Amino acid sequence: MTKLTTAIGLTLALASGFLTSSFAHAEQQTSTYSSEMAKKWQQIESKADGQTVYFNAWGGSQEINAYLRWAAKQLKSRYNVTLKHVKVADIAETTQRLVAEKTAGKNSDGSVDMVWINGENFRSMKSGNLLYGPFVDQLPNWEKVDQRLPVFEDFTEPTDGLEAPWGVGQLVFIHDKQTLSNPPQSFAELLSLAKAFPGKVSYPQPPEFHGSSFLKAALIELTDNKPALYQPLDIQKDKMLFDSVTAPLWQYLDQLHPVAWQQGKRFPSGTTETIQLLDDKQLLLALTFNPNAANAAIEHGTLTETAQAYAFKQGALSNIHFLAIPWNSSAKEGAQVAINFLLSPEAQTRKADTSIWGDPSVLKEDSLENGSHGFSLFQPIAEPHPSWLTAIEQEWQRRYGH
């Protein structure tokens, strides 16, 4: 397995579709931050003074939670903005809450001021007019973002300035080189491994993000109709197409589950549990959406030093994760100040540090404090259109939910 160690933009360019329109956008976004925009930003900072920002974000990682506590301290001391991390298991819960507030006509003083999203959740919020903006191009740190990355599209859906990029994610596996020196290089080989070592392979239970990502990555390898995955799906009209495209996935899982951990009757709750099970030698592989996760876990003492992250030969499912502001937030200015700080070289450099979090930065290399992204990417695979995710999760639940 070889990591790609070239500059991040050129690395991503190797993957078909991952940078479809980003270079064109980057050429349009080269203007300097004008004095008028700077004046407007000063007004935003002034209004943000004293605001409390309720930030709905996944709470399943101690490292991420600690990082956000650090960010909250910085925001409080520098801008008098109070950042409250509202820990959620699935951002879909936040989406449903915002839909309920929209239905009830609660167009101000909403319960959510900032949200960590991408994919189907962004598409749902955007289509439901649940987001404030566009606001991204008025952030002072927006100019430092590496706009060769696919920051203008989220799972094929145009972002339209409604969400700011925060980090780069890739679906990778972690193995212990001493226990498993020759890890599987495809989902087909993963099945062979599971059959050879019953009870030693699993994946998080969908709709948990990592579990759903496992299903998408497997489907991309197994299906005979990959192009269909990148087109919108109307499950009511396209049921026959859905059935034909996904049939190889269900056939695969029907073989995997009987030889999986707990015989497929129970699944890990998320990436944290898979890493723990790997460290306990109950699993041969863990799953994460952070190419730096193995190094970070070693740094934090939760994995042996012989652990290593890798991607299958087809590459790693890859995306950008974003920050957005609901339309009815009562702290829109505070949320913008928080997002701008999280895009600062200081915050992005700290976030990329494997001893802290290890989440890859979205900034240009020369904007980061150490002059480097501090990571290398695997061959990227573009995410399917988000409309496929809901249909896949519902079918998985129908077939395997307990």
Protein backbone atom coordinates (compact mmCIF):
# COMPACT_ATOMS: atom_id res chain seq x y z
CA MET A 1 0.00 0.00 0.00
CA THR A 2 1.42 3.36 -1.00
CA LYS A 3 0.22 6.71 0.24
CA LEU A 4 0.12 9.63 -2.11
CA THR A 5 2.38 12.30 -0.72
CA THR A 6 2.14 15.03 -3.32
CA ALA A 7 0.44 18.33 -2.63
CA ILE A 8 -3.15 17.88 -1.62
CA GLY A 9 -4.77 19.56 -4.60
CA LEU A 10 -2.74 17.56 -7.11
CA THR A 11 -3.36 14.37 -5.15
CA LEU A 12 -7.10 14.84 -5.26
CA ALA A 13 -6.96 15.64 -8.96
CA LEU A 14 -6.07 12.01 -9.60
CA ALA A 15 -9.59 10.93 -8.65
CA SER A 16 -12.21 11.21 -11.36
CA GLY A 17 -14.99 13.52 -10.35
CA PHE A 18 -13.50 14.67 -7.05
CA LEU A 19 -12.46 18.02 -8.46
CA THR A 20 -15.06 18.29 -11.21
CA SER A 21 -15.60 22.03 -11.11
CA SER A 22 -13.36 23.19 -8.30
CA PHE A 23 -10.54 24.64 -10.40
CA ALA A 24 -12.98 26.82 -12.32
CA HIS A 25 -14.41 28.11 -9.07
CA ALA A 26 -10.95 28.74 -7.67
CA GLU A 27 -10.14 31.03 -10.58
CA GLN A 28 -13.24 33.07 -9.76
CA GLN A 29 -12.37 33.41 -6.07
CA THR A 30 -9.03 35.22 -6.23
CA SER A 31 -10.17 38.73 -5.29
CA THR A 32 -8.68 40.26 -2.16
CA TYR A 33 -10.68 40.94 0.96
CA SER A 34 -11.92 44.49 0.37
CA SER A 35 -12.00 47.30 2.92
CA GLU A 36 -15.80 47.30 2.66
CA MET A 37 -15.91 43.61 3.53
CA ALA A 38 -13.49 44.19 6.40
CA LYS A 39 -15.76 46.92 7.76
CA LYS A 40 -18.77 44.62 7.51
CA TRP A 41 -16.84 41.89 9.33
CA GLN A 42 -16.03 44.30 12.17
CA GLN A 43 -19.76 44.89 12.53
CA ILE A 44 -20.36 41.13 12.66
CA GLU A 45 -17.72 40.73 15.39
CA SER A 46 -19.29 43.59 17.34
CA LYS A 47 -22.75 41.99 17.20
CA ALA A 48 -21.25 38.59 18.11
CA ASP A 49 -19.94 40.00 21.41
CA GLY A 50 -21.84 38.26 24.21
CA GLN A 51 -23.67 35.75 22.02
CA THR A 52 -23.99 32.05 22.86
CA VAL A 53 -23.62 29.64 19.94
CA TYR A 54 -25.23 26.20 20.31
CA PHE A 55 -23.11 24.00 18.05
CA ASN A 56 -24.68 20.65 17.12
CA ALA A 57 -21.84 18.26 16.31
CA TRP A 58 -21.05 14.57 16.59
CA GLY A 59 -19.94 13.83 20.15
CA GLY A 60 -18.50 10.34 19.76
CA SER A 61 -14.80 11.21 19.93
CA GLN A 62 -12.94 12.31 23.06
CA GLU A 63 -10.26 13.94 20.90
CA ILE A 64 -12.77 16.00 18.91
CA ASN A 65 -14.65 16.96 22.07
CA ALA A 66 -11.39 18.12 23.68
CA TYR A 67 -10.51 20.13 20.58
CA LEU A 68 -13.87 21.88 20.67
CA ARG A 69 -13.39 22.69 24.35
CA TRP A 70 -10.11 24.37 23.40
CA ALA A 71 -11.85 26.29 20.58
CA ALA A 72 -14.59 27.38 22.98
CA LYS A 73 -11.99 28.83 25.38
CA GLN A 74 -10.35 30.77 22.55
CA LEU A 75 -13.66 32.16 21.29
CA LYS A 76 -14.66 33.24 24.78
CA SER A 77 -11.37 34.99 25.57
CA ARG A 78 -10.90 36.64 22.16
CA TYR A 79 -14.44 37.50 21.04
CA ASN A 80 -16.63 36.98 24.13
CA VAL A 81 -18.52 34.33 22.15
CA THR A 82 -19.69 31.30 24.15
CA LEU A 83 -19.54 28.07 22.13
CA LYS A 84 -21.72 25.27 23.54
CA HIS A 85 -21.05 21.85 22.03
CA VAL A 86 -24.37 20.01 21.78
CA LYS A 87 -23.25 16.40 21.35
CA VAL A 88 -25.38 14.36 18.94
CA ALA A 89 -25.04 10.77 17.75
CA ASP A 90 -26.33 11.56 14.26
CA ILE A 91 -26.79 15.00 12.68
CA ALA A 92 -29.98 13.64 11.11
CA GLU A 93 -31.49 14.24 14.57
CA THR A 94 -30.64 17.94 14.21
CA THR A 95 -32.11 18.01 10.71
CA GLN A 96 -35.39 16.61 12.05
CA ARG A 97 -35.44 19.19 14.85
CA LEU A 98 -34.96 22.03 12.38
CA VAL A 99 -37.70 20.65 10.12
CA ALA A 100 -40.02 20.61 13.14
CA GLU A 101 -39.15 24.22 13.96
CA LYS A 102 -39.75 25.24 10.35
CA THR A 103 -43.13 23.49 10.35
CA ALA A 104 -44.06 25.23 13.60
CA GLY A 105 -43.16 28.63 12.14
CA LYS A 106 -40.29 29.18 14.56
CA ASN A 107 -38.31 31.53 12.34
CA SER A 108 -36.23 33.09 15.11
CA ASP A 109 -34.62 32.05 18.40
CA GLY A 110 -34.00 28.53 17.09
CA SER A 111 -32.45 25.82 19.22
CA VAL A 112 -29.44 25.36 16.89
CA ASP A 113 -26.95 28.08 15.93
CA MET A 114 -24.29 26.09 14.12
CA VAL A 115 -24.09 22.56 12.74
CA TRP A 116 -21.41 20.14 11.48
CA ILE A 117 -22.80 18.55 8.33
CA ASN A 118 -22.28 17.19 4.85
CA GLY A 119 -23.96 14.88 2.36
CA GLU A 120 -27.61 13.99 2.81
CA ASN A 121 -28.03 16.23 5.84
CA PHE A 122 -26.83 19.26 3.87
CA ARG A 123 -29.05 18.36 0.96
CA SER A 124 -32.07 18.02 3.27
CA MET A 125 -31.38 21.32 5.04
CA LYS A 126 -30.74 23.16 1.79
CA SER A 127 -33.85 21.83 0.04
CA GLY A 128 -35.94 22.65 3.11
CA ASN A 129 -34.62 26.24 3.24
CA LEU A 130 -33.24 25.55 6.71
CA LEU A 131 -29.89 27.31 6.24
CA TYR A 132 -28.72 30.91 6.61
CA GLY A 133 -26.67 32.48 3.87
CA PRO A 134 -24.82 32.68 1.64
CA PHE A 135 -22.22 33.77 4.19
CA VAL A 136 -18.99 31.92 3.36
CA ASP A 137 -17.34 34.47 1.06
CA GLN A 138 -17.50 37.18 3.73
CA LEU A 139 -15.39 35.16 6.17
CA PRO A 140 -11.90 36.70 6.34
CA ASN A 141 -10.27 33.25 6.43
CA TRP A 142 -12.15 32.03 3.35
CA GLU A 143 -9.28 33.32 1.20
CA LYS A 144 -6.90 30.91 2.95
CA VAL A 145 -8.97 27.85 1.96
CA ASP A 146 -7.46 25.63 -0.74
CA GLN A 147 -10.21 26.18 -3.27
CA ARG A 148 -8.83 23.46 -5.54
CA LEU A 149 -10.50 21.09 -3.09
CA PRO A 150 -14.16 20.25 -3.82
CA VAL A 151 -15.41 22.93 -1.43
CA PHE A 152 -18.09 24.19 -3.84
CA GLU A 153 -19.94 20.88 -3.97
CA ASP A 154 -21.08 18.54 -1.22
CA PHE A 155 -21.76 15.00 -2.48
CA THR A 156 -22.51 16.56 -5.94
CA GLU A 157 -24.83 19.21 -4.36
CA PRO A 158 -23.66 22.85 -4.91
CA THR A 159 -22.88 24.47 -1.57
CA ASP A 160 -23.92 27.96 -2.78
CA GLY A 161 -22.07 29.62 0.11
CA LEU A 162 -24.38 27.99 2.68
CA GLU A 163 -21.67 25.94 4.41
CA ALA A 164 -17.98 26.51 5.06
CA PRO A 165 -15.45 23.67 4.59
CA TRP A 166 -13.84 22.44 7.80
CA GLY A 167 -11.83 19.31 7.03
CA VAL A 168 -11.09 16.44 4.64
CA GLY A 169 -12.42 12.94 5.31
CA GLN A 170 -11.43 9.58 3.84
CA LEU A 171 -12.85 6.16 4.67
CA VAL A 172 -9.90 3.96 5.64
CA PHE A 173 -9.25 0.77 7.57
CA ILE A 174 -6.85 0.27 10.46
CA HIS A 175 -5.01 -2.99 11.12
CA ASP A 176 -2.32 -4.16 13.52
CA LYS A 177 0.68 -5.13 11.39
CA GLN A 178 1.75 -7.75 13.95
CA THR A 179 -1.66 -9.46 13.99
CA LEU A 180 -2.60 -8.98 10.34
CA SER A 181 0.46 -8.40 8.19
CA ASN A 182 -1.35 -8.83 4.85
CA PRO A 183 -4.71 -7.01 5.19
CA PRO A 184 -7.45 -7.31 2.56
CA GLN A 185 -7.18 -4.97 -0.42
CA SER A 186 -10.81 -5.13 -1.53
CA PHE A 187 -14.26 -5.92 -0.19
CA ALA A 188 -14.02 -9.30 -1.91
CA GLU A 189 -10.84 -10.05 0.04
CA LEU A 190 -12.49 -8.72 3.21
CA LEU A 191 -15.19 -11.36 2.85
CA SER A 192 -12.55 -14.06 2.40
CA LEU A 193 -10.84 -12.84 5.58
CA ALA A 194 -14.12 -12.90 7.49
CA LYS A 195 -14.78 -16.48 6.36
CA ALA A 196 -11.26 -17.55 7.32
CA PHE A 197 -11.51 -15.88 10.75
CA PRO A 198 -15.17 -15.96 11.85
CA GLY A 199 -16.18 -13.26 14.29
CA LYS A 200 -13.22 -11.01 13.51
CA VAL A 201 -14.75 -8.58 10.99
CA SER A 202 -17.54 -6.05 11.36
CA TYR A 203 -18.63 -2.48 10.61
CA PRO A 204 -20.63 0.16 12.53
CA GLN A 205 -24.40 -0.17 12.42
CA PRO A 206 -26.11 2.10 9.87
CA PRO A 207 -27.33 4.81 9.88
CA GLU A 208 -24.25 5.66 11.96
CA PHE A 209 -22.07 7.66 9.56
CA HIS A 210 -19.15 5.23 9.35
CA GLY A 211 -21.42 2.23 8.90
CA SER A 212 -23.33 3.91 6.07
CA SER A 213 -20.03 4.92 4.48
CA PHE A 214 -18.91 1.27 4.61
CA LEU A 215 -22.05 0.33 2.66
CA LYS A 216 -21.45 3.02 0.02
CA ALA A 217 -17.81 2.05 -0.46
CA ALA A 218 -18.73 -1.62 -0.77
CA LEU A 219 -21.46 -0.82 -3.27
CA ILE A 220 -19.08 1.23 -5.42
CA GLU A 221 -16.78 -1.79 -5.71
CA LEU A 222 -19.48 -4.43 -6.12
CA THR A 223 -22.06 -2.88 -8.45
CA ASP A 224 -21.98 -3.17 -12.23
CA ASN A 225 -23.57 0.26 -12.63
CA LYS A 226 -21.36 2.82 -10.88
CA PRO A 227 -22.54 5.80 -13.01
CA ALA A 228 -26.06 5.43 -11.60
CA LEU A 229 -24.73 6.16 -8.11
CA TYR A 230 -23.78 9.68 -9.16
CA GLN A 231 -27.23 10.61 -10.45
CA PRO A 232 -30.23 11.66 -8.32
CA LEU A 233 -32.42 8.76 -7.21
CA ASP A 234 -36.18 8.97 -6.79
CA ILE A 235 -36.86 5.72 -4.97
CA GLN A 236 -40.55 5.80 -5.86
CA LYS A 237 -39.90 6.09 -9.59
CA ASP A 238 -36.55 4.31 -9.72
CA LYS A 239 -37.19 1.29 -7.49
CA MET A 240 -36.23 -1.21 -10.20
CA LEU A 241 -32.99 0.67 -10.85
CA PHE A 242 -32.23 0.78 -7.14
CA ASP A 243 -32.86 -2.95 -6.78
CA SER A 244 -30.61 -3.86 -9.71
CA VAL A 245 -27.77 -1.51 -8.71
CA THR A 246 -27.74 -2.58 -5.05
CA ALA A 247 -28.42 -6.32 -5.46
CA PRO A 248 -24.68 -7.23 -5.28
CA LEU A 249 -24.38 -5.35 -1.98
CA TRP A 250 -27.16 -7.33 -0.27
CA GLN A 251 -25.79 -10.61 -1.67
CA TYR A 252 -22.41 -9.64 -0.21
CA LEU A 253 -23.79 -8.76 3.22
CA ASP A 254 -25.84 -11.96 3.30
CA GLN A 255 -22.54 -13.83 3.14
CA LEU A 256 -20.63 -11.49 5.47
CA HIS A 257 -23.02 -11.23 8.42
CA PRO A 258 -23.11 -14.93 9.41
CA VAL A 259 -19.30 -14.94 9.81
CA ALA A 260 -19.04 -11.40 11.18
CA TRP A 261 -18.51 -10.28 14.77
CA GLN A 262 -21.53 -11.35 16.87
CA GLN A 263 -22.77 -13.22 13.76
CA GLY A 264 -24.19 -9.96 12.44
CA LYS A 265 -26.75 -9.88 15.25
CA ARG A 266 -25.03 -6.85 16.75
CA PHE A 267 -22.76 -4.23 15.22
CA PRO A 268 -20.29 -1.75 16.74
CA SER A 269 -21.84 1.59 17.63
CA GLY A 270 -19.24 3.59 15.72
CA THR A 271 -15.60 4.05 14.79
CA THR A 272 -14.53 4.47 18.43
CA GLU A 273 -15.84 1.01 19.31
CA THR A 274 -14.20 -0.59 16.25
CA ILE A 275 -10.84 0.88 17.33
CA GLN A 276 -11.38 -0.41 20.86
CA LEU A 277 -12.31 -3.86 19.54
CA LEU A 278 -9.23 -3.82 17.32
CA ASP A 279 -7.02 -2.94 20.30
CA ASP A 280 -8.70 -5.73 22.31
CA LYS A 281 -7.97 -8.12 19.41
CA GLN A 282 -11.65 -8.89 18.98
CA LEU A 283 -11.56 -7.41 15.47
CA LEU A 284 -8.87 -7.60 12.81
CA LEU A 285 -9.87 -4.27 11.26
CA ALA A 286 -11.22 -0.95 12.50
CA LEU A 287 -12.94 1.66 10.38
CA THR A 288 -12.52 5.44 10.38
CA PHE A 289 -13.15 8.47 8.15
CA ASN A 290 -9.85 10.09 9.13
CA PRO A 291 -6.65 9.03 7.32
CA ASN A 292 -4.73 10.22 10.38
CA ALA A 293 -6.83 8.28 12.90
CA ALA A 294 -4.35 5.47 13.45
CA ASN A 295 -1.52 7.88 14.23
CA ALA A 296 -3.82 9.90 16.49
CA ALA A 297 -4.95 6.78 18.35
CA ILE A 298 -1.33 5.71 18.84
CA GLU A 299 -0.50 9.21 20.15
CA HIS A 300 -3.38 8.96 22.64
CA GLY A 301 -2.46 5.45 23.74
CA THR A 302 -5.64 3.80 22.48
CA LEU A 303 -3.87 1.70 19.82
CA THR A 304 -0.65 -0.24 19.68
CA GLU A 305 2.30 1.37 17.86
CA THR A 306 2.08 -1.34 15.19
CA ALA A 307 -1.35 -0.11 14.05
CA GLN A 308 -1.56 1.38 10.58
CA ALA A 309 -4.27 3.00 8.43
CA TYR A 310 -4.63 1.96 4.81
CA ALA A 311 -7.11 2.05 1.94
CA PHE A 312 -8.28 -0.66 -0.44
CA LYS A 313 -6.80 -0.74 -3.95
CA GLN A 314 -9.83 1.01 -5.41
CA GLY A 315 -9.07 3.98 -3.15
CA ALA A 316 -10.84 5.67 -0.25
CA LEU A 317 -14.30 7.18 -0.23
CA SER A 318 -13.53 10.89 0.21
CA ASN A 319 -15.37 14.08 1.03
CA ILE A 320 -15.21 17.47 2.70
CA HIS A 321 -17.08 18.08 5.94
CA PHE A 322 -18.63 21.49 6.52
CA LEU A 323 -20.02 23.99 9.03
CA ALA A 324 -23.37 25.74 8.51
CA ILE A 325 -25.81 28.07 10.27
CA PRO A 326 -29.58 27.42 10.52
CA TRP A 327 -31.92 30.08 9.14
CA ASN A 328 -33.52 30.73 12.55
CA SER A 329 -30.35 30.99 14.64
CA SER A 330 -30.40 33.76 17.24
CA ALA A 331 -26.60 33.96 17.13
CA LYS A 332 -25.79 34.20 13.42
CA GLU A 333 -22.95 36.65 14.03
CA GLY A 334 -21.47 34.53 16.81
CA ALA A 335 -21.69 31.44 14.57
CA GLN A 336 -19.85 33.26 11.76
CA VAL A 337 -17.12 34.37 14.16
CA ALA A 338 -16.81 30.79 15.43
CA ILE A 339 -16.62 29.35 11.91
CA ASN A 340 -14.06 31.94 10.84
CA PHE A 341 -11.92 31.09 13.87
CA LEU A 342 -12.18 27.35 13.11
CA LEU A 343 -10.85 28.19 9.62
CA SER A 344 -7.90 30.15 11.01
CA PRO A 345 -4.36 28.82 10.46
CA GLU A 346 -4.00 28.41 14.22
CA ALA A 347 -7.16 26.32 14.61
CA GLN A 348 -6.59 24.30 11.42
CA THR A 349 -2.97 23.54 12.30
CA ARG A 350 -4.01 22.38 15.75
CA LYS A 351 -6.83 20.26 14.30
CA ALA A 352 -4.41 18.53 11.90
CA ASP A 353 -1.99 17.62 14.72
CA THR A 354 -2.34 13.87 15.32
CA SER A 355 -1.58 14.34 19.02
CA ILE A 356 -4.75 16.47 19.24
CA TRP A 357 -7.23 15.35 16.56
CA GLY A 358 -5.47 14.63 13.26
CA ASP A 359 -8.25 15.93 10.98
CA PRO A 360 -6.74 17.08 7.65
CA SER A 361 -6.83 20.82 6.97
CA VAL A 362 -8.72 22.56 4.16
CA LEU A 363 -6.28 25.48 4.04
CA LYS A 364 -3.56 26.15 1.49
CA GLU A 365 -0.21 24.75 2.57
CA ASP A 366 1.39 28.18 2.84
CA SER A 367 -1.42 29.32 5.16
CA LEU A 368 -0.75 26.70 7.81
CA GLU A 369 1.53 27.54 10.68
CA ASN A 370 3.99 24.72 10.02
CA GLY A 371 3.80 25.14 6.24
CA SER A 372 2.46 21.63 5.75
CA HIS A 373 -0.81 19.78 5.85
CA GLY A 374 0.87 17.22 8.07
CA PHE A 375 -0.77 14.32 6.28
CA SER A 376 -0.99 12.44 3.00
CA LEU A 377 -4.09 11.29 1.21
CA PHE A 378 -5.02 7.96 -0.26
CA GLN A 379 -6.39 7.68 -3.79
CA PRO A 380 -9.81 9.38 -3.46
CA ILE A 381 -13.18 8.01 -4.57
CA ALA A 382 -15.99 10.52 -5.00
CA GLU A 383 -19.11 10.20 -2.86
CA PRO A 384 -22.34 9.02 -4.56
CA HIS A 385 -25.26 11.42 -4.91
CA PRO A 386 -26.78 11.87 -1.42
CA SER A 387 -30.21 10.63 -2.54
CA TRP A 388 -28.80 7.09 -2.61
CA LEU A 389 -27.83 7.14 1.05
CA THR A 390 -31.33 7.29 2.53
CA ALA A 391 -32.56 4.50 0.26
CA ILE A 392 -29.57 2.29 1.11
CA GLU A 393 -29.99 2.88 4.86
CA GLN A 394 -33.72 2.11 4.75
CA GLU A 395 -33.15 -1.10 2.81
CA TRP A 396 -30.37 -2.15 5.18
CA GLN A 397 -32.71 -1.56 8.14
CA ARG A 398 -35.47 -3.57 6.46
CA ARG A 399 -33.16 -6.51 5.84
CA TYR A 400 -30.86 -6.52 8.85
CA GLY A 401 -32.21 -4.14 11.50
CA HIS A 402 -32.89 -5.74 14.87
